[in-house]
Amino acid sequence: MSSPLRWGILATGGIAVTFTKDLLKDPSTRGASDVKHTVTAAASSSSASRANEFLKEVGAPSEAKGYGSYAELVKDPNVDIIYVATPHSHHFQNTMLCLEAKKHVLCEKAFTTNAAQAKLLVDTAKKNNLFLMEAVWIRFFPICQELRKIASDGKIGNIRRVFADLSLGVDVENKFGTKHRMTNMDLAGGAMLDLGIYPITWVFQFLYHIQPPQNQKPPKVASSIATYAPTGADEMTSMIFTFPATNAQGIATTNFRVSYDPDDKNTAGPAIRIQGTKGEIQVYGPAYRPTHYRLIPAVDKDTGENKAGFEFQDVTRDIPGHGMFWEADECFRCLKDKKLESDGMSWSESIVIMEAMDEVRKQHSMVYPEKIESTKYPLEGF
């Protein structure tokens, strides 16, 4: 694939701006010489003028086209792949639109509202011989790849437990109210799908993803939810995932009202702890953009002797940008290699994670409006 991968951007909100600016950075700034990206089009659901404003804001090539509807974007013959950046309530309908138009797709997380929708997206991608990936961007951070390698090499022994948290610490009533996507049930609002997907991803990276295939079984789920009374969205969710092949546990938590880092100085300690029989990895920085980790050896409790075979390490990995370009690079490489799915974020794993979140909601009788839970396509209003 010697030509640039031609991207279309579906939606023009904040995350689309961040992704597209990253996408257009010179790959050499991150040490990549095998990828090329360009933006050839963008669409806003409100107007073509908004799409054109977006293209100017992100520094897209002057010839990139702005559209006032998603239907026009997916018909553009100069678009190879579409980044779906709408709220997760809209992911199923918007991604189906792209796949039915024979476009490859990188879809923001959470992948869909429920697992049934995710399965239909995968089936459609298979049917149309198209690449599809959930945009779990941290999977492709070099620091995360480094940590998975440390763990899979057995450096910290058998991994028995993972703690992971992403919590905000905000005044929910004043910051979000009832219409914001974080609290609005019509947009699949709530802490779990928006924030909780990150701690869940950390759990699955180490207790599912790096495990041998025979150990990649869906976890048992225990959970607790506290809801935001004005809308019914979850504002605090705690989950324990027990993986049957190893009996290892992952504890994933998320909360609107308290923060993983209350003073914004990392005084509270690591947001993620990966605990093995020979030591522990502690990850600092928010769960969605880690930059620093500590590797801590275990000692014999009787003798104090280091039983890990390594010494304490304190490691920082800077990011030359925001970090969203790495998932785009993965899309380029997969398409170059004619792969329909990424080994780093496979279809089956996206579905298993959606099933786990479905189970959390089921345990608390939490349902979203029928329209956004529906597997019917197409529906009006998306």
Protein backbone atom coordinates (compact mmCIF):
# COMPACT_ATOMS: atom_id res chain seq x y z
CA MET A 1 0.00 0.00 0.00
CA SER A 2 2.17 2.85 -1.28
CA SER A 3 -0.66 5.41 -1.43
CA PRO A 4 -1.99 7.16 1.68
CA LEU A 5 -4.99 5.65 3.42
CA ARG A 6 -7.84 8.02 2.60
CA TRP A 7 -9.96 8.80 5.65
CA GLY A 8 -13.48 10.12 5.94
CA ILE A 9 -14.49 11.53 9.32
CA LEU A 10 -18.09 10.88 10.39
CA ALA A 11 -19.04 13.57 12.96
CA THR A 12 -17.18 16.72 13.89
CA GLY A 13 -17.15 16.85 17.70
CA GLY A 14 -14.24 17.05 20.09
CA ILE A 15 -12.97 13.50 19.75
CA ALA A 16 -13.10 13.77 15.95
CA VAL A 17 -10.97 16.92 16.14
CA THR A 18 -8.38 15.24 18.38
CA PHE A 19 -8.23 12.09 16.26
CA THR A 20 -7.94 13.92 12.95
CA LYS A 21 -5.24 16.31 14.13
CA ASP A 22 -3.26 13.29 15.33
CA LEU A 23 -3.94 11.43 12.11
CA LEU A 24 -2.40 14.25 10.06
CA LYS A 25 0.82 14.45 12.08
CA ASP A 26 3.99 13.45 10.27
CA PRO A 27 4.43 9.71 11.03
CA SER A 28 8.19 10.21 11.40
CA THR A 29 7.55 12.10 14.66
CA ARG A 30 6.49 8.77 16.17
CA GLY A 31 9.15 6.71 14.41
CA ALA A 32 6.82 5.27 11.75
CA SER A 33 8.02 5.02 8.15
CA ASP A 34 5.58 2.44 6.81
CA VAL A 35 2.27 4.36 7.09
CA LYS A 36 0.63 7.23 5.22
CA HIS A 37 -2.65 8.94 6.04
CA THR A 38 -4.73 11.70 4.52
CA VAL A 39 -8.21 13.09 5.09
CA THR A 40 -10.34 13.38 1.99
CA ALA A 41 -13.76 14.13 3.49
CA ALA A 42 -15.76 14.82 6.62
CA ALA A 43 -19.45 14.99 7.40
CA SER A 44 -21.52 16.84 9.97
CA SER A 45 -25.13 15.91 10.64
CA SER A 46 -25.96 19.61 10.91
CA SER A 47 -24.53 21.19 7.76
CA ALA A 48 -21.83 21.08 5.09
CA SER A 49 -20.53 24.42 6.39
CA ARG A 50 -19.86 22.85 9.80
CA ALA A 51 -17.99 20.01 8.08
CA ASN A 52 -15.89 22.52 6.15
CA GLU A 53 -15.14 24.44 9.34
CA PHE A 54 -14.00 21.17 10.90
CA LEU A 55 -11.70 20.38 7.96
CA LYS A 56 -10.12 23.81 8.24
CA GLU A 57 -9.74 23.48 12.03
CA VAL A 58 -7.87 20.16 11.81
CA GLY A 59 -5.63 21.24 8.94
CA ALA A 60 -7.01 18.84 6.35
CA PRO A 61 -5.86 19.16 2.71
CA SER A 62 -7.63 21.99 0.89
CA GLU A 63 -9.27 19.57 -1.54
CA ALA A 64 -11.02 17.60 1.23
CA LYS A 65 -14.79 17.72 0.90
CA GLY A 66 -17.28 18.67 3.58
CA TYR A 67 -20.72 17.05 3.60
CA GLY A 68 -23.91 17.93 5.42
CA SER A 69 -25.03 14.32 5.81
CA TYR A 70 -23.44 10.98 6.62
CA ALA A 71 -25.18 9.41 3.61
CA GLU A 72 -23.20 11.70 1.29
CA LEU A 73 -19.91 10.88 3.02
CA VAL A 74 -20.23 7.11 2.61
CA LYS A 75 -20.85 7.56 -1.15
CA ASP A 76 -17.58 9.44 -1.71
CA PRO A 77 -15.37 7.28 -3.97
CA ASN A 78 -12.24 8.98 -2.61
CA VAL A 79 -12.77 7.60 0.90
CA ASP A 80 -11.25 4.23 1.85
CA ILE A 81 -12.05 4.09 5.56
CA ILE A 82 -14.38 6.01 7.85
CA TYR A 83 -13.76 6.99 11.45
CA VAL A 84 -17.11 6.93 13.29
CA ALA A 85 -16.96 9.54 16.06
CA THR A 86 -20.61 9.87 17.09
CA PRO A 87 -21.94 9.00 20.59
CA HIS A 88 -22.03 5.24 21.21
CA SER A 89 -25.83 5.32 21.03
CA HIS A 90 -25.38 5.96 17.30
CA HIS A 91 -22.48 3.62 16.54
CA PHE A 92 -24.56 0.70 15.29
CA GLN A 93 -26.64 2.69 12.81
CA ASN A 94 -23.71 4.86 11.63
CA THR A 95 -21.30 1.94 11.23
CA MET A 96 -23.89 -0.14 9.37
CA LEU A 97 -24.34 2.79 7.00
CA CYS A 98 -20.61 2.74 6.26
CA LEU A 99 -20.33 -1.04 5.93
CA GLU A 100 -23.34 -1.27 3.63
CA ALA A 101 -21.65 1.38 1.46
CA LYS A 102 -18.58 -0.90 1.30
CA LYS A 103 -16.35 1.32 3.43
CA HIS A 104 -13.84 0.06 5.99
CA VAL A 105 -14.54 1.37 9.50
CA LEU A 106 -12.76 2.42 12.67
CA CYS A 107 -15.60 2.88 15.17
CA GLU A 108 -15.19 4.67 18.48
CA LYS A 109 -15.68 2.81 21.72
CA ALA A 110 -17.79 1.62 23.32
CA PHE A 111 -18.28 -0.34 20.11
CA THR A 112 -22.07 -0.40 20.30
CA THR A 113 -24.85 -0.18 22.87
CA ASN A 114 -25.07 -3.95 23.28
CA ALA A 115 -23.45 -7.18 22.13
CA ALA A 116 -26.24 -8.08 19.69
CA GLN A 117 -25.47 -4.92 17.71
CA ALA A 118 -21.73 -5.67 17.79
CA LYS A 119 -22.32 -9.16 16.38
CA LEU A 120 -24.35 -7.74 13.50
CA LEU A 121 -21.59 -5.26 12.66
CA VAL A 122 -19.05 -8.09 12.57
CA ASP A 123 -21.34 -10.23 10.41
CA THR A 124 -21.80 -7.34 7.98
CA ALA A 125 -18.07 -6.67 7.78
CA LYS A 126 -17.44 -10.35 7.06
CA LYS A 127 -20.17 -10.46 4.42
CA ASN A 128 -18.78 -7.43 2.64
CA ASN A 129 -15.11 -8.39 3.10
CA LEU A 130 -14.37 -5.18 4.99
CA PHE A 131 -12.01 -4.16 7.77
CA LEU A 132 -13.71 -3.18 11.02
CA MET A 133 -12.16 -2.27 14.37
CA GLU A 134 -13.32 -0.82 17.66
CA ALA A 135 -11.22 2.27 18.36
CA VAL A 136 -9.72 1.20 21.67
CA TRP A 137 -6.75 3.46 21.06
CA ILE A 138 -4.70 2.54 24.13
CA ARG A 139 -4.31 -1.02 22.84
CA PHE A 140 -1.83 0.36 20.30
CA PHE A 141 0.20 2.60 22.60
CA PRO A 142 3.83 1.40 22.65
CA ILE A 143 3.72 1.55 26.46
CA CYS A 144 0.75 -0.84 26.52
CA GLN A 145 2.44 -3.18 24.05
CA GLU A 146 5.53 -3.06 26.28
CA LEU A 147 3.52 -3.92 29.38
CA ARG A 148 1.72 -6.80 27.68
CA LYS A 149 5.10 -8.18 26.63
CA ILE A 150 6.44 -7.94 30.19
CA ALA A 151 3.38 -9.78 31.48
CA SER A 152 3.20 -12.42 28.74
CA ASP A 153 6.91 -13.18 29.21
CA GLY A 154 6.11 -14.14 32.79
CA LYS A 155 8.29 -11.44 34.35
CA ILE A 156 5.81 -10.76 37.16
CA GLY A 157 4.77 -14.41 37.40
CA ASN A 158 1.20 -15.62 37.12
CA ILE A 159 -1.14 -12.66 37.03
CA ARG A 160 -3.72 -13.10 39.75
CA ARG A 161 -5.42 -9.72 39.95
CA VAL A 162 -5.83 -6.44 38.08
CA PHE A 163 -7.20 -3.23 39.58
CA ALA A 164 -8.17 -0.44 37.17
CA ASP A 165 -10.09 2.78 37.66
CA LEU A 166 -11.16 5.81 35.67
CA SER A 167 -13.18 8.30 37.69
CA LEU A 168 -13.72 12.01 37.12
CA GLY A 169 -14.47 13.84 40.35
CA VAL A 170 -16.94 16.40 38.96
CA ASP A 171 -20.10 18.19 40.08
CA VAL A 172 -22.47 16.10 37.97
CA GLU A 173 -25.49 18.38 38.28
CA ASN A 174 -23.60 21.49 37.17
CA LYS A 175 -21.21 19.94 34.66
CA PHE A 176 -23.54 17.44 32.97
CA GLY A 177 -27.10 18.14 34.03
CA THR A 178 -29.55 15.91 32.17
CA LYS A 179 -28.88 16.60 28.47
CA HIS A 180 -25.12 15.94 28.31
CA ARG A 181 -24.11 12.71 26.57
CA MET A 182 -22.57 11.48 29.85
CA THR A 183 -25.93 11.43 31.64
CA ASN A 184 -28.49 11.32 28.80
CA MET A 185 -29.98 7.83 28.43
CA ASP A 186 -31.06 8.67 24.87
CA LEU A 187 -27.33 8.81 24.06
CA ALA A 188 -26.53 5.64 26.08
CA GLY A 189 -25.13 7.89 28.79
CA GLY A 190 -23.54 6.70 31.98
CA ALA A 191 -20.15 6.05 33.52
CA MET A 192 -19.70 2.46 32.34
CA LEU A 193 -19.93 2.82 28.56
CA ASP A 194 -18.07 6.12 28.45
CA LEU A 195 -15.41 5.83 31.18
CA GLY A 196 -15.66 2.23 32.38
CA ILE A 197 -14.63 0.87 29.01
CA TYR A 198 -11.05 1.93 29.86
CA PRO A 199 -10.62 0.05 33.15
CA ILE A 200 -12.42 -2.89 31.55
CA THR A 201 -9.89 -2.75 28.71
CA TRP A 202 -7.00 -2.86 31.19
CA VAL A 203 -8.53 -5.92 32.86
CA PHE A 204 -9.05 -7.69 29.55
CA GLN A 205 -5.60 -6.83 28.20
CA PHE A 206 -3.94 -8.92 30.90
CA LEU A 207 -6.52 -11.49 31.96
CA TYR A 208 -7.94 -12.30 28.52
CA HIS A 209 -6.03 -10.85 25.56
CA ILE A 210 -2.54 -12.17 26.35
CA GLN A 211 -3.80 -15.52 27.58
CA PRO A 212 -3.41 -18.63 25.40
CA PRO A 213 -6.48 -19.30 23.23
CA GLN A 214 -7.73 -22.12 25.45
CA ASN A 215 -7.89 -19.67 28.38
CA GLN A 216 -9.81 -16.96 26.55
CA LYS A 217 -13.19 -17.63 28.10
CA PRO A 218 -15.82 -15.03 29.03
CA PRO A 219 -15.56 -13.97 32.67
CA LYS A 220 -18.10 -14.36 35.42
CA VAL A 221 -19.43 -10.93 36.35
CA ALA A 222 -20.37 -9.40 39.70
CA SER A 223 -21.28 -5.73 39.85
CA SER A 224 -22.76 -2.81 41.72
CA ILE A 225 -24.29 0.33 40.23
CA ALA A 226 -25.41 3.67 41.65
CA THR A 227 -27.60 5.70 39.32
CA TYR A 228 -27.91 9.42 38.67
CA ALA A 229 -31.48 10.00 39.80
CA PRO A 230 -32.50 12.70 37.29
CA THR A 231 -31.88 10.42 34.28
CA GLY A 232 -31.30 6.86 35.51
CA ALA A 233 -27.82 6.66 33.98
CA ASP A 234 -25.12 4.94 36.02
CA GLU A 235 -22.89 7.45 37.81
CA MET A 236 -20.84 4.87 39.75
CA THR A 237 -20.19 1.32 38.62
CA SER A 238 -17.92 -1.31 40.16
CA MET A 239 -17.28 -4.63 38.43
CA ILE A 240 -15.47 -7.81 39.38
CA PHE A 241 -14.59 -10.11 36.48
CA THR A 242 -13.49 -13.64 37.35
CA PHE A 243 -11.84 -15.46 34.47
CA PRO A 244 -12.68 -19.17 34.70
CA ALA A 245 -9.53 -20.65 33.16
CA THR A 246 -7.20 -19.02 35.67
CA ASN A 247 -9.51 -17.86 38.49
CA ALA A 248 -7.78 -14.49 38.21
CA GLN A 249 -9.87 -11.45 39.05
CA GLY A 250 -10.14 -8.05 37.45
CA ILE A 251 -11.68 -5.18 39.38
CA ALA A 252 -12.82 -2.30 37.16
CA THR A 253 -14.34 0.83 38.67
CA THR A 254 -15.67 4.14 37.41
CA ASN A 255 -17.33 7.09 39.08
CA PHE A 256 -18.44 10.59 38.15
CA ARG A 257 -18.19 12.18 41.60
CA VAL A 258 -14.76 11.08 42.86
CA SER A 259 -11.47 11.02 40.98
CA TYR A 260 -8.69 8.49 40.51
CA ASP A 261 -6.33 11.49 40.85
CA PRO A 262 -7.97 14.08 43.15
CA ASP A 263 -5.11 16.59 43.19
CA ASP A 264 -4.02 16.08 39.55
CA LYS A 265 -0.51 15.31 40.79
CA ASN A 266 -0.62 11.49 40.95
CA THR A 267 -0.38 11.73 44.75
CA ALA A 268 -3.13 9.12 45.03
CA GLY A 269 -0.95 6.52 43.31
CA PRO A 270 -1.46 4.35 40.25
CA ALA A 271 -4.76 4.13 38.40
CA ILE A 272 -3.91 0.57 37.35
CA ARG A 273 -2.22 -2.27 39.25
CA ILE A 274 -1.35 -5.56 37.55
CA GLN A 275 -0.46 -8.05 40.25
CA GLY A 276 1.47 -11.24 39.65
CA THR A 277 3.09 -13.85 41.88
CA LYS A 278 6.57 -12.40 41.26
CA GLY A 279 5.76 -8.70 41.28
CA GLU A 280 3.50 -5.90 40.21
CA ILE A 281 3.15 -3.36 37.42
CA GLN A 282 1.76 0.01 38.48
CA VAL A 283 0.53 2.33 35.72
CA TYR A 284 0.28 6.09 36.21
CA GLY A 285 -1.55 8.73 34.25
CA PRO A 286 -5.20 8.38 33.27
CA ALA A 287 -6.30 4.94 32.12
CA TYR A 288 -6.96 6.41 28.66
CA ARG A 289 -3.48 7.90 28.21
CA PRO A 290 -0.80 6.24 30.34
CA THR A 291 2.75 7.60 30.22
CA HIS A 292 4.51 6.11 33.23
CA TYR A 293 4.84 2.74 34.95
CA ARG A 294 6.66 1.12 37.82
CA LEU A 295 7.84 -2.48 37.88
CA ILE A 296 7.98 -3.68 41.49
CA PRO A 297 9.59 -7.02 42.43
CA ALA A 298 8.04 -9.25 45.06
CA VAL A 299 10.15 -10.29 48.04
CA ASP A 300 10.05 -13.40 50.18
CA LYS A 301 7.96 -12.45 53.21
CA ASP A 302 10.16 -14.46 55.56
CA THR A 303 13.65 -13.60 54.30
CA GLY A 304 13.09 -10.31 52.47
CA GLU A 305 14.93 -11.78 49.49
CA ASN A 306 14.00 -10.60 46.01
CA LYS A 307 12.24 -13.57 44.43
CA ALA A 308 11.36 -11.86 41.15
CA GLY A 309 14.70 -11.89 39.34
CA PHE A 310 14.49 -8.18 38.49
CA GLU A 311 14.98 -4.89 40.29
CA PHE A 312 12.57 -1.99 40.79
CA GLN A 313 12.12 0.07 37.64
CA ASP A 314 10.49 3.49 37.12
CA VAL A 315 9.77 4.12 33.43
CA THR A 316 8.30 7.06 31.51
CA ARG A 317 7.22 6.88 27.86
CA ASP A 318 6.42 10.23 26.30
CA ILE A 319 3.75 10.57 23.60
CA PRO A 320 4.58 12.73 20.54
CA GLY A 321 1.04 14.03 20.21
CA HIS A 322 -2.20 12.87 21.76
CA GLY A 323 -1.70 9.22 20.85
CA MET A 324 -4.66 8.45 18.60
CA PHE A 325 -2.46 8.07 15.52
CA TRP A 326 -1.32 4.62 16.66
CA GLU A 327 -4.77 3.09 16.16
CA ALA A 328 -4.91 4.70 12.71
CA ASP A 329 -1.51 3.19 11.92
CA GLU A 330 -2.90 -0.22 12.91
CA CYS A 331 -5.74 0.27 10.41
CA PHE A 332 -3.23 1.12 7.66
CA ARG A 333 -1.12 -1.95 8.38
CA CYS A 334 -4.10 -4.29 8.56
CA LEU A 335 -5.43 -3.06 5.23
CA LYS A 336 -1.97 -3.27 3.69
CA ASP A 337 -1.82 -6.90 4.84
CA LYS A 338 -5.40 -7.50 3.63
CA LYS A 339 -6.61 -8.28 7.17
CA LEU A 340 -10.25 -7.70 8.07
CA GLU A 341 -9.61 -7.46 11.80
CA SER A 342 -6.77 -6.47 14.10
CA ASP A 343 -4.96 -8.93 16.33
CA GLY A 344 -4.67 -6.09 18.85
CA MET A 345 -8.44 -5.57 19.10
CA SER A 346 -10.20 -8.53 17.55
CA TRP A 347 -13.88 -8.80 16.74
CA SER A 348 -14.34 -11.64 19.23
CA GLU A 349 -12.81 -9.64 22.07
CA SER A 350 -14.95 -6.59 21.34
CA ILE A 351 -18.01 -8.86 21.50
CA VAL A 352 -16.94 -10.55 24.76
CA ILE A 353 -16.42 -7.14 26.36
CA MET A 354 -19.83 -5.94 25.15
CA GLU A 355 -21.38 -9.14 26.57
CA ALA A 356 -19.73 -8.44 29.94
CA MET A 357 -21.16 -4.91 29.98
CA ASP A 358 -24.56 -6.27 28.95
CA GLU A 359 -24.40 -8.58 31.97
CA VAL A 360 -23.62 -5.66 34.29
CA ARG A 361 -26.68 -3.80 33.00
CA LYS A 362 -28.81 -6.95 33.21
CA GLN A 363 -27.90 -7.44 36.87
CA HIS A 364 -29.34 -4.00 37.61
CA SER A 365 -32.24 -3.96 35.12
CA MET A 366 -30.66 -1.04 33.30
CA VAL A 367 -31.94 -0.59 29.77
CA TYR A 368 -31.56 2.18 27.24
CA PRO A 369 -34.40 3.46 25.06
CA GLU A 370 -35.56 0.81 22.60
CA LYS A 371 -34.44 2.80 19.57
CA ILE A 372 -30.77 2.74 20.54
CA GLU A 373 -30.84 -0.89 21.74
CA SER A 374 -32.46 -2.01 18.48
CA THR A 375 -30.74 -4.27 15.96
CA LYS A 376 -32.99 -3.07 13.15
CA TYR A 377 -31.31 -1.18 10.36
CA PRO A 378 -31.90 1.39 9.04
CA LEU A 379 -33.81 3.48 11.55
CA GLU A 380 -34.67 7.14 11.21
CA GLY A 381 -32.99 9.76 13.36
CA PHE A 382 -29.36 8.70 13.15
